[in-house]
């Protein structure tokens, strides 16, 4: 790839009480690409991504966004750089509808200071239709939506506020086959829109179905990065187990 990576994490270190949770790890991500970050529990994959999302501050190393070195010390810093995280729990307010969730804490108001409900609903319909043309339940409490629809709301919130880089943490955990397929469709749509996605997963089937490259971690180190087209599932399992 000749283009500049959306993200470069170079030689990243994070220690907790003398234990190297992330040990000189490097990974990059290009526009329109999904990179799967995988490894056993404790491999360092979530900790590495939390430094990109602003949940943790790195001890050393560099983070570059579009070729420029940046400082990320809080989730707000990450959001300002176009980085959003879709957590496994989705962090949605179950008792509110899709519109209220999309604009929670970032509500639009009219010139008179009142909530602009019509604008927010229209914008919600637009962004959710872009992700999932079948999404009709705008006014339903999100707690009553399917897993795939809930993912649509969480992703819609991220991209409406100009995310260019998404971190997805176990996006299909606890979803059925049909809902997993819906999430796969969402990810394909995001790729077409040139977003870059880091996908954290334990599920090797997910990784092969959804990702372009994999980054395998063990004991805080990056063991290897490979194109999905050039490896088999057995190759990847060997990297995880044998390293």
Protein backbone atom coordinates (compact mmCIF):
# COMPACT_ATOMS: atom_id res chain seq x y z
CA UNK A 1 0.00 0.00 0.00
CA UNK A 2 1.45 3.35 -1.02
CA UNK A 3 -1.04 5.57 0.78
CA UNK A 4 -0.41 6.97 4.27
CA UNK A 5 -1.82 4.79 7.04
CA UNK A 6 -4.80 6.16 8.96
CA UNK A 7 -3.13 4.91 12.14
CA UNK A 8 0.41 3.91 13.02
CA UNK A 9 1.18 2.69 16.53
CA UNK A 10 4.94 2.34 16.85
CA UNK A 11 6.89 0.62 19.63
CA UNK A 12 4.10 1.11 22.18
CA UNK A 13 4.82 0.21 25.82
CA UNK A 14 2.40 0.04 28.76
CA UNK A 15 3.29 -1.37 32.17
CA UNK A 16 1.13 -1.99 35.21
CA UNK A 17 3.09 -2.48 38.41
CA UNK A 18 6.20 -3.60 36.54
CA UNK A 19 4.31 -6.04 34.28
CA UNK A 20 4.57 -5.28 30.56
CA UNK A 21 0.93 -5.41 29.43
CA UNK A 22 2.07 -4.09 26.03
CA UNK A 23 5.71 -4.62 25.16
CA UNK A 24 7.08 -2.57 22.21
CA UNK A 25 4.06 -3.32 20.01
CA UNK A 26 3.58 -1.85 16.52
CA UNK A 27 0.54 -2.03 14.23
CA UNK A 28 -0.94 0.08 11.44
CA UNK A 29 -4.31 0.54 9.73
CA UNK A 30 -5.23 1.89 6.28
CA UNK A 31 -8.46 3.54 5.02
CA UNK A 32 -11.11 1.01 4.04
CA UNK A 33 -9.34 -1.79 5.91
CA UNK A 34 -10.27 -4.06 8.81
CA UNK A 35 -7.38 -5.28 10.96
CA UNK A 36 -8.20 -8.02 13.44
CA UNK A 37 -6.29 -7.90 16.73
CA UNK A 38 -6.35 -11.30 18.37
CA UNK A 39 -4.72 -13.42 21.01
CA UNK A 40 -5.53 -15.13 24.29
CA UNK A 41 -6.84 -13.27 27.34
CA UNK A 42 -3.98 -11.19 28.69
CA UNK A 43 -2.25 -11.01 25.29
CA UNK A 44 -2.39 -7.20 25.38
CA UNK A 45 -4.82 -6.59 22.53
CA UNK A 46 -7.41 -4.66 24.55
CA UNK A 47 -4.73 -2.67 26.38
CA UNK A 48 -3.10 -1.68 23.07
CA UNK A 49 -6.44 -0.50 21.66
CA UNK A 50 -7.31 1.35 24.89
CA UNK A 51 -4.25 3.54 24.34
CA UNK A 52 -5.62 4.47 20.92
CA UNK A 53 -9.09 5.13 22.38
CA UNK A 54 -7.71 7.30 25.22
CA UNK A 55 -8.79 4.97 28.03
CA UNK A 56 -5.11 4.43 28.91
CA UNK A 57 -2.07 6.64 28.31
CA UNK A 58 0.96 4.92 26.77
CA UNK A 59 4.25 4.88 28.68
CA UNK A 60 6.33 5.22 25.52
CA UNK A 61 6.15 4.84 21.74
CA UNK A 62 4.44 6.89 19.04
CA UNK A 63 0.90 7.17 17.71
CA UNK A 64 0.51 8.74 14.26
CA UNK A 65 -2.80 9.65 12.64
CA UNK A 66 -2.57 10.31 8.89
CA UNK A 67 1.21 10.49 9.24
CA UNK A 68 1.18 13.11 12.02
CA UNK A 69 2.29 12.23 15.55
CA UNK A 70 -0.50 12.86 18.07
CA UNK A 71 -0.97 12.88 21.84
CA UNK A 72 -3.93 10.88 23.16
CA UNK A 73 -4.48 11.28 26.89
CA UNK A 74 -8.28 10.96 27.14
CA UNK A 75 -11.27 9.60 25.22
CA UNK A 76 -12.04 13.21 24.24
CA UNK A 77 -8.60 13.52 22.60
CA UNK A 78 -9.36 10.34 20.63
CA UNK A 79 -12.81 11.55 19.54
CA UNK A 80 -11.32 14.87 18.40
CA UNK A 81 -9.01 12.82 16.14
CA UNK A 82 -11.94 10.86 14.66
CA UNK A 83 -11.40 7.73 16.76
CA UNK A 84 -14.49 6.06 18.24
CA UNK A 85 -14.85 2.81 20.17
CA UNK A 86 -17.79 0.42 19.90
CA UNK A 87 -17.61 -1.60 23.09
CA UNK A 88 -19.00 -5.11 23.42
CA UNK A 89 -21.61 -3.70 25.83
CA UNK A 90 -22.39 -0.97 23.22
CA UNK A 91 -22.86 1.65 26.00
CA UNK A 92 -26.42 2.39 24.86
CA UNK A 93 -29.24 3.75 27.05
CA UNK A 94 -31.78 0.93 26.72
CA UNK A 95 -34.78 3.04 27.79
CA UNK A 96 -34.20 5.65 25.06
CA UNK A 97 -34.92 5.37 21.32
CA UNK A 98 -32.33 5.44 18.53
CA UNK A 99 -32.45 9.23 18.08
CA UNK A 100 -31.96 9.95 21.79
CA UNK A 101 -29.04 7.50 21.89
CA UNK A 102 -27.42 8.93 18.79
CA UNK A 103 -27.39 12.48 20.19
CA UNK A 104 -27.02 11.66 23.91
CA UNK A 105 -24.87 14.40 25.42
CA UNK A 106 -24.53 16.10 22.02
CA UNK A 107 -28.12 17.20 21.40
CA UNK A 108 -29.01 19.61 18.59
CA UNK A 109 -30.95 22.75 19.50
CA UNK A 110 -32.95 25.34 17.58
CA UNK A 111 -32.00 29.02 17.35
CA UNK A 112 -34.23 29.53 20.42
CA UNK A 113 -32.38 26.94 22.50
CA UNK A 114 -35.08 24.25 22.39
CA UNK A 115 -34.22 20.66 21.44
CA UNK A 116 -34.50 20.29 17.65
CA UNK A 117 -36.29 16.93 17.69
CA UNK A 118 -37.23 17.04 14.00
CA UNK A 119 -33.63 17.64 12.88
CA UNK A 120 -32.25 14.94 15.19
CA UNK A 121 -34.83 12.39 14.01
CA UNK A 122 -34.18 13.21 10.33
CA UNK A 123 -30.40 12.91 10.84
CA UNK A 124 -30.85 9.60 12.68
CA UNK A 125 -32.97 8.18 9.85
CA UNK A 126 -30.34 9.29 7.33
CA UNK A 127 -27.34 7.77 9.09
CA UNK A 128 -29.08 4.52 10.06
CA UNK A 129 -30.52 4.08 6.55
CA UNK A 130 -27.00 4.48 5.15
CA UNK A 131 -25.81 1.66 7.40
CA UNK A 132 -28.88 -0.55 7.27
CA UNK A 133 -31.63 0.27 4.74
CA UNK A 134 -33.97 -2.14 6.57
CA UNK A 135 -33.77 -0.23 9.87
CA UNK A 136 -37.26 1.14 10.57
CA UNK A 137 -37.57 1.12 14.37
CA UNK A 138 -36.34 4.66 15.01
CA UNK A 139 -38.83 5.29 17.83
CA UNK A 140 -38.45 1.92 19.59
CA UNK A 141 -36.50 1.80 22.85
CA UNK A 142 -33.11 0.35 21.92
CA UNK A 143 -33.42 -2.24 24.71
CA UNK A 144 -36.14 -3.89 22.59
CA UNK A 145 -34.06 -3.97 19.37
CA UNK A 146 -32.17 -6.96 17.98
CA UNK A 147 -28.43 -7.24 18.51
CA UNK A 148 -27.74 -6.26 14.91
CA UNK A 149 -29.97 -3.19 15.15
CA UNK A 150 -28.30 -2.16 18.43
CA UNK A 151 -24.92 -2.38 16.68
CA UNK A 152 -26.36 -0.13 13.94
CA UNK A 153 -27.27 2.51 16.53
CA UNK A 154 -23.85 2.34 18.23
CA UNK A 155 -21.99 2.55 14.90
CA UNK A 156 -24.36 5.25 13.62
CA UNK A 157 -23.55 7.40 16.64
CA UNK A 158 -19.81 7.02 15.94
CA UNK A 159 -19.91 7.83 12.24
CA UNK A 160 -22.40 10.67 12.57
CA UNK A 161 -19.83 12.47 14.69
CA UNK A 162 -17.18 12.01 12.02
CA UNK A 163 -15.32 8.91 13.11
CA UNK A 164 -12.67 7.86 10.61
CA UNK A 165 -11.23 5.11 12.80
CA UNK A 166 -13.38 2.58 14.67
CA UNK A 167 -12.27 0.20 17.37
CA UNK A 168 -14.79 -2.65 17.63
CA UNK A 169 -14.52 -4.86 20.69
CA UNK A 170 -15.96 -8.36 20.11
CA UNK A 171 -18.72 -6.99 17.84
CA UNK A 172 -20.51 -10.32 17.31
CA UNK A 173 -20.19 -11.74 20.85
CA UNK A 174 -23.51 -13.22 21.98
CA UNK A 175 -25.17 -12.58 18.60
CA UNK A 176 -27.01 -15.23 16.59
CA UNK A 177 -26.13 -16.15 13.00
CA UNK A 178 -28.54 -13.68 11.40
CA UNK A 179 -27.42 -10.79 13.65
CA UNK A 180 -23.75 -11.65 13.05
CA UNK A 181 -24.45 -11.44 9.31
CA UNK A 182 -26.05 -8.01 9.85
CA UNK A 183 -22.91 -6.78 11.64
CA UNK A 184 -20.78 -8.15 8.78
CA UNK A 185 -22.92 -6.11 6.36
CA UNK A 186 -22.38 -2.99 8.50
CA UNK A 187 -18.63 -3.50 8.45
CA UNK A 188 -18.63 -3.89 4.65
CA UNK A 189 -20.56 -0.62 4.37
CA UNK A 190 -18.04 1.17 6.60
CA UNK A 191 -15.16 -0.15 4.49
CA UNK A 192 -16.80 1.28 1.36
CA UNK A 193 -16.96 4.63 3.16
CA UNK A 194 -13.18 4.39 3.69
CA UNK A 195 -13.26 4.04 7.46
CA UNK A 196 -10.51 2.00 9.08
CA UNK A 197 -11.51 -0.58 11.68
CA UNK A 198 -9.55 -2.35 14.38
CA UNK A 199 -11.53 -5.41 15.39
CA UNK A 200 -10.68 -7.08 18.71
CA UNK A 201 -11.88 -10.68 18.80
CA UNK A 202 -11.31 -14.12 20.25
CA UNK A 203 -13.33 -15.68 17.42
CA UNK A 204 -11.11 -16.84 14.59
CA UNK A 205 -14.16 -17.33 12.32
CA UNK A 206 -15.08 -13.67 12.82
CA UNK A 207 -11.55 -12.65 12.00
CA UNK A 208 -11.50 -14.60 8.73
CA UNK A 209 -14.99 -13.43 7.74
CA UNK A 210 -14.51 -9.75 8.50
CA UNK A 211 -10.82 -8.79 8.35
CA UNK A 212 -8.27 -7.96 5.68
CA UNK A 213 -5.25 -8.44 7.93
CA UNK A 214 -4.59 -9.91 11.36
CA UNK A 215 -2.29 -8.77 14.13
CA UNK A 216 -1.56 -11.61 16.58
CA UNK A 217 -0.46 -10.69 20.10
CA UNK A 218 0.96 -12.77 22.93
CA UNK A 219 2.34 -11.63 26.31
CA UNK A 220 2.10 -7.98 25.23
CA UNK A 221 4.10 -8.44 22.03
CA UNK A 222 2.98 -8.42 18.40
CA UNK A 223 3.92 -11.92 17.19
CA UNK A 224 3.09 -11.18 13.58
CA UNK A 225 0.87 -9.30 11.14
CA UNK A 226 -0.44 -11.17 8.09
CA UNK A 227 -2.87 -10.71 5.22
CA UNK A 228 -5.89 -12.97 5.67
CA UNK A 229 -5.57 -14.04 2.03
CA UNK A 230 -2.12 -15.49 2.76
CA UNK A 231 -2.83 -17.59 5.86
CA UNK A 232 -5.12 -20.40 6.98
CA UNK A 233 -6.94 -20.67 10.28
CA UNK A 234 -4.44 -23.34 11.31
CA UNK A 235 -1.57 -20.93 10.57
CA UNK A 236 -3.13 -18.33 12.85
CA UNK A 237 -3.87 -20.80 15.63
CA UNK A 238 -0.22 -21.91 15.46
CA UNK A 239 0.90 -18.29 15.81
CA UNK A 240 -1.29 -17.86 18.89
CA UNK A 241 -0.38 -21.16 20.55
CA UNK A 242 3.24 -21.74 19.57
CA UNK A 243 4.72 -18.25 19.92
